[in-house]
Protein backbone atom coordinates (compact mmCIF):
# COMPACT_ATOMS: atom_id res chain seq x y z
CA MET A 1 1.76 24.28 67.79
CA LYS A 2 2.33 23.64 64.15
CA ASP A 3 2.58 20.04 63.27
CA LEU A 4 5.46 18.64 61.44
CA PRO A 5 4.75 17.24 57.94
CA GLN A 6 3.60 13.43 57.89
CA PHE A 7 6.23 10.62 57.47
CA PRO A 8 5.88 7.07 57.42
CA SER A 9 6.52 4.91 60.30
CA PHE A 10 7.79 1.46 60.01
CA TRP A 11 4.45 -0.04 61.58
CA GLY A 12 2.69 2.88 58.99
CA TRP A 13 4.51 1.49 56.17
CA ILE A 14 3.08 -2.13 57.06
CA SER A 15 -0.32 -1.17 57.66
CA GLN A 16 -0.13 1.43 54.81
CA GLN A 17 -0.92 3.99 57.60
CA HIS A 18 0.64 7.37 58.30
CA MET A 19 1.05 8.75 62.10
CA ARG A 20 1.38 12.42 63.33
CA VAL A 21 4.25 12.96 65.76
CA PRO A 22 3.52 16.27 67.81
CA THR A 23 6.82 18.77 68.16
CA SER A 24 6.40 19.95 71.89
CA ASP A 25 4.04 18.25 74.14
CA PRO A 26 3.46 14.15 73.46
CA SER A 27 0.70 13.55 75.92
CA GLY A 28 -1.61 16.12 73.99
CA PRO A 29 -4.71 15.16 72.11
CA LYS A 30 -4.00 12.99 69.13
CA GLU A 31 -6.10 13.03 66.17
CA PRO A 32 -8.20 10.18 65.17
CA ARG A 33 -6.98 7.90 63.02
CA GLN A 34 -9.02 7.40 59.72
CA PRO A 35 -11.14 4.25 59.82
CA ARG A 36 -9.65 1.64 57.79
CA ALA A 37 -11.83 0.07 55.03
CA PRO A 38 -13.17 -3.10 55.33
CA ARG A 39 -11.09 -5.72 53.35
CA ALA A 40 -13.24 -8.20 50.66
CA PRO A 41 -13.83 -11.62 52.75
CA ARG A 42 -11.25 -14.48 51.40
CA VAL A 43 -13.52 -17.13 48.84
CA THR A 44 -13.42 -20.26 50.63
CA VAL A 45 -15.82 -23.06 51.52
CA SER A 46 -15.87 -22.19 54.99
CA ASN A 47 -17.62 -18.36 53.71
CA TYR A 48 -20.63 -20.09 51.79
CA GLY A 49 -23.47 -20.04 54.42
CA PRO A 50 -26.04 -22.50 54.37
CA THR A 51 -28.00 -20.83 52.14
CA THR A 52 -25.20 -20.48 49.34
CA VAL A 53 -24.40 -23.91 49.20
CA GLN A 54 -27.98 -25.11 49.20
CA GLY A 55 -28.49 -23.09 46.37
CA VAL A 56 -25.03 -24.44 44.40
CA ILE A 57 -26.78 -27.87 45.10
CA ASP A 58 -30.13 -27.07 43.85
CA ARG A 59 -28.62 -26.20 40.68
CA PHE A 60 -27.99 -29.78 40.04
CA TYR A 61 -31.58 -31.15 40.89
CA THR A 62 -34.98 -30.20 40.19
CA PRO A 63 -37.22 -28.27 42.41
CA ALA A 64 -37.89 -29.80 45.73
CA ASP A 65 -41.96 -28.12 45.30
CA GLU A 66 -42.21 -30.75 42.56
CA TYR A 67 -42.12 -33.95 44.66
CA GLY A 68 -43.19 -32.11 48.04
CA ASP A 69 -40.19 -32.48 49.86
CA LYS A 70 -36.69 -33.11 49.02
CA SER A 71 -36.94 -37.22 49.70
CA GLY A 72 -37.86 -37.65 45.97
CA ARG A 73 -35.32 -34.95 44.57
CA ARG A 74 -33.36 -36.39 41.50
CA PRO A 75 -30.66 -34.82 39.94
CA ARG A 76 -31.62 -32.54 36.76
CA CYS A 77 -28.95 -33.61 34.35
CA VAL A 78 -28.83 -37.14 34.79
CA LEU A 79 -29.91 -38.41 31.73
CA ILE A 80 -27.54 -35.72 30.01
CA LEU A 81 -24.44 -36.81 31.38
CA LEU A 82 -25.23 -40.80 31.03
CA MET A 83 -25.68 -39.93 27.42
CA VAL A 84 -22.27 -38.19 27.13
CA GLY A 85 -20.49 -41.09 29.01
CA LEU A 86 -21.89 -43.88 26.75
CA LEU A 87 -20.82 -41.65 23.67
CA GLY A 88 -17.21 -41.17 25.16
CA ILE A 89 -17.27 -44.94 25.70
CA SER A 90 -18.90 -45.62 22.55
CA THR A 91 -16.25 -43.43 20.81
CA GLY A 92 -13.41 -45.00 22.61
CA THR A 93 -14.36 -48.48 21.83
CA ILE A 94 -14.80 -47.70 18.19
CA MET A 95 -11.51 -45.76 17.51
CA LEU A 96 -9.77 -48.77 19.54
CA LEU A 97 -11.60 -51.40 16.87
CA THR A 98 -11.50 -49.58 13.45
CA ASP A 99 -8.25 -47.57 13.74
CA PRO A 100 -10.11 -44.53 11.74
CA TYR A 101 -6.50 -43.26 10.99
CA ASN A 102 -5.64 -45.95 9.10
CA THR A 103 -8.48 -46.43 7.63
CA LEU A 104 -8.98 -42.90 6.43
CA PHE A 105 -5.73 -43.36 5.30
CA GLN A 106 -5.85 -45.89 2.96
CA TRP A 107 -9.02 -44.17 1.62
CA LYS A 108 -7.30 -41.45 0.74
CA ALA A 109 -3.85 -42.57 -0.58
CA THR A 110 -4.75 -46.39 -2.05
CA PHE A 111 -4.96 -46.21 -5.62
CA ALA A 112 -7.76 -48.75 -5.90
CA GLU A 113 -11.70 -48.26 -7.25
CA GLY A 114 -13.53 -46.48 -4.50
CA GLY A 115 -10.63 -44.72 -3.23
CA GLU A 116 -10.20 -41.00 -3.65
CA MET A 117 -7.24 -40.90 -5.44
CA PHE A 118 -8.41 -43.56 -8.34
CA GLY A 119 -11.66 -41.04 -8.29
CA LEU A 120 -9.42 -38.19 -9.36
CA TRP A 121 -7.24 -40.10 -11.31
CA GLU A 122 -10.17 -41.75 -13.58
CA LYS A 123 -12.05 -38.38 -13.68
CA PRO A 124 -9.67 -35.34 -13.08
CA GLN A 125 -11.55 -32.42 -12.03
CA ILE A 126 -9.78 -30.41 -13.52
CA GLU A 127 -10.96 -27.81 -17.39
CA LEU A 128 -8.62 -28.50 -19.96
CA TYR A 129 -8.94 -26.38 -23.42
CA LEU A 130 -7.42 -26.90 -26.84
CA ARG A 131 -6.94 -23.74 -28.63
CA VAL A 132 -5.95 -24.09 -32.35
CA TRP A 133 -4.86 -21.24 -34.88
CA LEU A 134 -5.15 -22.11 -38.53
CA TRP A 135 -3.30 -20.60 -41.61
CA ASN A 136 -5.44 -19.96 -44.38
CA VAL A 137 -3.78 -19.57 -47.59
CA THR A 138 -4.70 -16.32 -49.41
CA ASN A 139 -2.74 -16.82 -53.20
CA ARG A 140 -3.78 -20.37 -53.55
CA GLU A 141 -3.89 -19.93 -57.65
CA GLU A 142 -0.97 -17.33 -58.09
CA PHE A 143 1.15 -19.44 -55.44
CA LEU A 144 0.47 -22.82 -57.52
CA ALA A 145 1.30 -21.05 -61.36
CA GLY A 146 4.37 -20.21 -59.75
CA ARG A 147 3.56 -16.35 -59.99
CA GLU A 148 3.75 -15.47 -56.32
CA LYS A 149 5.16 -16.90 -53.22
CA LEU A 150 3.04 -18.05 -50.58
CA ARG A 151 0.80 -15.60 -48.15
CA VAL A 152 -1.19 -17.18 -45.17
CA GLN A 153 -3.44 -15.80 -42.66
CA GLU A 154 -3.34 -16.56 -39.06
CA VAL A 155 -7.29 -17.58 -38.36
CA GLY A 156 -8.43 -18.56 -34.61
CA PRO A 157 -8.47 -19.55 -32.08
CA TYR A 158 -11.21 -22.39 -32.36
CA THR A 159 -11.48 -23.51 -28.83
CA TYR A 160 -12.53 -26.69 -27.29
CA ARG A 161 -12.94 -28.17 -24.05
CA GLU A 162 -11.30 -31.71 -23.26
CA LEU A 163 -12.75 -34.22 -21.08
CA PHE A 164 -10.37 -36.40 -20.42
CA THR A 165 -11.45 -39.83 -18.77
CA HIS A 166 -10.16 -43.26 -18.37
CA GLU A 167 -12.37 -46.16 -19.57
CA ASN A 168 -12.01 -49.79 -18.97
CA VAL A 169 -9.84 -50.00 -16.35
CA LYS A 170 -9.02 -53.40 -15.28
CA PHE A 171 -6.76 -54.65 -12.43
CA ASN A 172 -4.64 -57.18 -13.61
CA GLU A 173 -3.38 -60.18 -11.49
CA ASN A 174 0.25 -59.27 -11.66
CA GLY A 175 -0.31 -56.20 -10.25
CA THR A 176 -0.75 -53.86 -13.36
CA MET A 177 -3.68 -51.89 -14.70
CA THR A 178 -4.77 -51.68 -18.25
CA SER A 179 -7.10 -48.72 -19.17
CA THR A 180 -8.29 -46.57 -22.33
CA PRO A 181 -7.65 -42.86 -21.74
CA THR A 182 -10.49 -40.98 -23.95
CA HIS A 183 -9.97 -37.45 -24.98
CA PRO A 184 -13.57 -36.18 -26.43
CA LEU A 185 -13.35 -32.35 -27.56
CA VAL A 186 -16.32 -30.26 -26.85
CA TRP A 187 -16.84 -26.98 -28.96
CA VAL A 188 -16.58 -23.61 -27.11
CA PRO A 189 -17.75 -21.01 -28.75
CA GLU A 190 -17.42 -18.25 -25.99
CA LYS A 191 -13.75 -18.84 -26.10
CA SER A 192 -13.24 -18.97 -29.25
CA GLU A 193 -13.53 -14.93 -30.24
CA GLY A 194 -16.42 -15.17 -33.03
CA ARG A 195 -14.72 -17.99 -34.79
CA SER A 196 -16.64 -20.76 -36.15
CA GLU A 197 -16.45 -24.52 -37.02
CA ASN A 198 -17.85 -23.99 -40.41
CA ASP A 199 -15.25 -21.53 -41.48
CA THR A 200 -14.18 -21.68 -45.00
CA LEU A 201 -10.32 -21.76 -45.46
CA ILE A 202 -7.93 -23.16 -48.14
CA LEU A 203 -5.65 -25.07 -46.17
CA PRO A 204 -2.84 -28.11 -47.27
CA ASN A 205 -4.15 -30.89 -48.28
CA ILE A 206 -2.75 -33.99 -45.63
CA ALA A 207 -3.18 -36.69 -47.14
CA LEU A 208 -1.27 -35.80 -50.48
CA LEU A 209 1.62 -34.33 -48.64
CA SER A 210 2.08 -37.24 -46.10
CA ILE A 211 1.85 -39.67 -49.04
CA THR A 212 4.98 -37.61 -51.29
CA ASN A 213 7.03 -37.46 -48.31
CA VAL A 214 6.84 -41.11 -47.37
CA MET A 215 7.37 -42.19 -51.07
CA ALA A 216 10.09 -39.64 -51.35
CA ASP A 217 13.00 -42.33 -51.28
CA ALA A 218 10.97 -44.72 -52.51
CA SER A 219 12.28 -46.62 -56.10
CA LEU A 220 11.90 -44.76 -59.45
CA PHE A 221 8.77 -47.03 -60.37
CA THR A 222 6.74 -46.71 -57.19
CA ARG A 223 7.16 -42.90 -57.37
CA MET A 224 5.61 -43.00 -60.84
CA GLY A 225 2.45 -44.75 -59.54
CA VAL A 226 1.73 -42.66 -56.75
CA ASN A 227 2.21 -39.60 -59.16
CA ILE A 228 -0.05 -41.69 -61.85
CA LEU A 229 -2.49 -42.27 -59.22
CA VAL A 230 -2.67 -38.34 -57.83
CA ARG A 231 -3.60 -37.32 -61.40
CA GLN A 232 -6.33 -39.67 -61.88
CA THR A 233 -7.81 -38.70 -58.67
CA GLU A 234 -7.00 -34.89 -59.42
CA SER A 235 -5.74 -34.03 -55.86
CA GLN A 236 -4.46 -30.78 -55.01
CA PRO A 237 -1.95 -29.65 -52.39
CA LEU A 238 -4.09 -26.67 -51.53
CA VAL A 239 -7.98 -27.50 -51.03
CA GLU A 240 -10.90 -25.89 -49.79
CA MET A 241 -12.68 -27.00 -46.58
CA THR A 242 -13.93 -26.05 -43.18
CA ALA A 243 -11.97 -25.78 -39.87
CA ARG A 244 -13.92 -28.75 -38.50
CA GLU A 245 -13.13 -31.06 -41.41
CA PHE A 246 -9.43 -30.17 -41.26
CA MET A 247 -9.25 -30.66 -37.68
CA PHE A 248 -11.73 -33.81 -37.29
CA GLY A 249 -11.36 -35.52 -40.98
CA TYR A 250 -11.86 -34.70 -44.57
CA GLU A 251 -12.51 -36.83 -47.49
CA SER A 252 -9.78 -37.37 -49.71
CA PRO A 253 -9.78 -39.82 -52.93
CA LEU A 254 -6.29 -40.91 -51.67
CA VAL A 255 -7.29 -41.99 -48.41
CA THR A 256 -10.47 -43.76 -49.35
CA LEU A 257 -8.39 -45.58 -52.07
CA GLY A 258 -5.63 -46.38 -49.22
CA ASN A 259 -8.24 -47.49 -47.13
CA LYS A 260 -9.96 -49.99 -49.42
CA PHE A 261 -6.21 -51.79 -51.10
CA MET A 262 -4.38 -51.13 -47.94
CA PRO A 263 -6.57 -51.37 -44.91
CA SER A 264 -3.81 -52.86 -42.52
CA TRP A 265 -1.44 -49.41 -43.47
CA ILE A 266 -4.68 -47.22 -43.52
CA MET A 267 -6.85 -48.19 -41.16
CA PHE A 268 -9.44 -44.88 -41.68
CA ASP A 269 -11.63 -43.48 -44.59
CA LYS A 270 -10.94 -40.07 -43.61
CA LEU A 271 -7.85 -37.61 -42.30
CA GLY A 272 -7.87 -35.54 -39.72
CA LEU A 273 -5.18 -33.42 -38.02
CA ILE A 274 -6.66 -33.58 -34.53
CA ASP A 275 -8.53 -36.93 -34.80
CA ARG A 276 -5.74 -38.62 -35.68
CA VAL A 277 -3.61 -37.39 -32.55
CA SER A 278 -6.71 -38.22 -30.36
CA LEU A 279 -6.85 -41.79 -31.70
CA SER A 280 -3.26 -42.31 -31.00
CA ALA A 281 -3.37 -40.91 -27.46
CA ALA A 282 -6.62 -43.28 -26.88
CA ALA A 283 -4.69 -46.34 -27.21
CA SER A 284 -4.85 -49.02 -24.40
CA ARG A 285 -2.12 -48.40 -21.77
CA ARG A 286 -0.95 -50.42 -19.48
CA MET A 287 0.34 -49.59 -15.76
């Protein structure tokens, strides 16, 4: 007889098996069931035999043949476990007694000698560069004679690296701090685009221009005395000098006389544009 198609029964749905139902003779021969694949045993302690359990235990002990019997066996990693335990106890004790978070915070944030913030403030770890452009007068004779207007040529850059530091740091008893900032400049030729400190230029005479500006509102007799002094020293409003002299100081008869006869007012014998600015910034400060 022709068999009907397979369909799952309730028990077959549970056991994941199907059965064949004959069409006419229920007592006829039945097809043998396919053997069920064996299931993997559950992993429990009872599944391990004596050999397996002994193998797991042997991992933590030295081999028995080293001592002849099992009575003298000792754990293989006892020393390591003891060291780890002692290290953990020591670390916990140190953290409990020293409070590392507060110690690290004070070292990072406290502004005092030896602190990280103090070190960054005393010697900043940044690169500061000073770039200077100068105006070279190209028609000095014609301009002084009144025949032409002033013509200038931009020259530069002259690049210096500023090594900014704080020196003579002193913590006062009233909670303030006194220090002297310094701004030494180092010539950097590779960033000056081919320029040199020894370039000869025609530049303004800062000393003469400064004196005439200060004496502009003075009395008539004072201005007459200044005019006589300028003529006697043969000072010119436009002078020839190097770029370094203009920035860091050049000799001027007016400045020399002023320093000689009025040292309390003119405390320097040379006058330079950057030199004056650096000295003004290097004055002692209190915080």
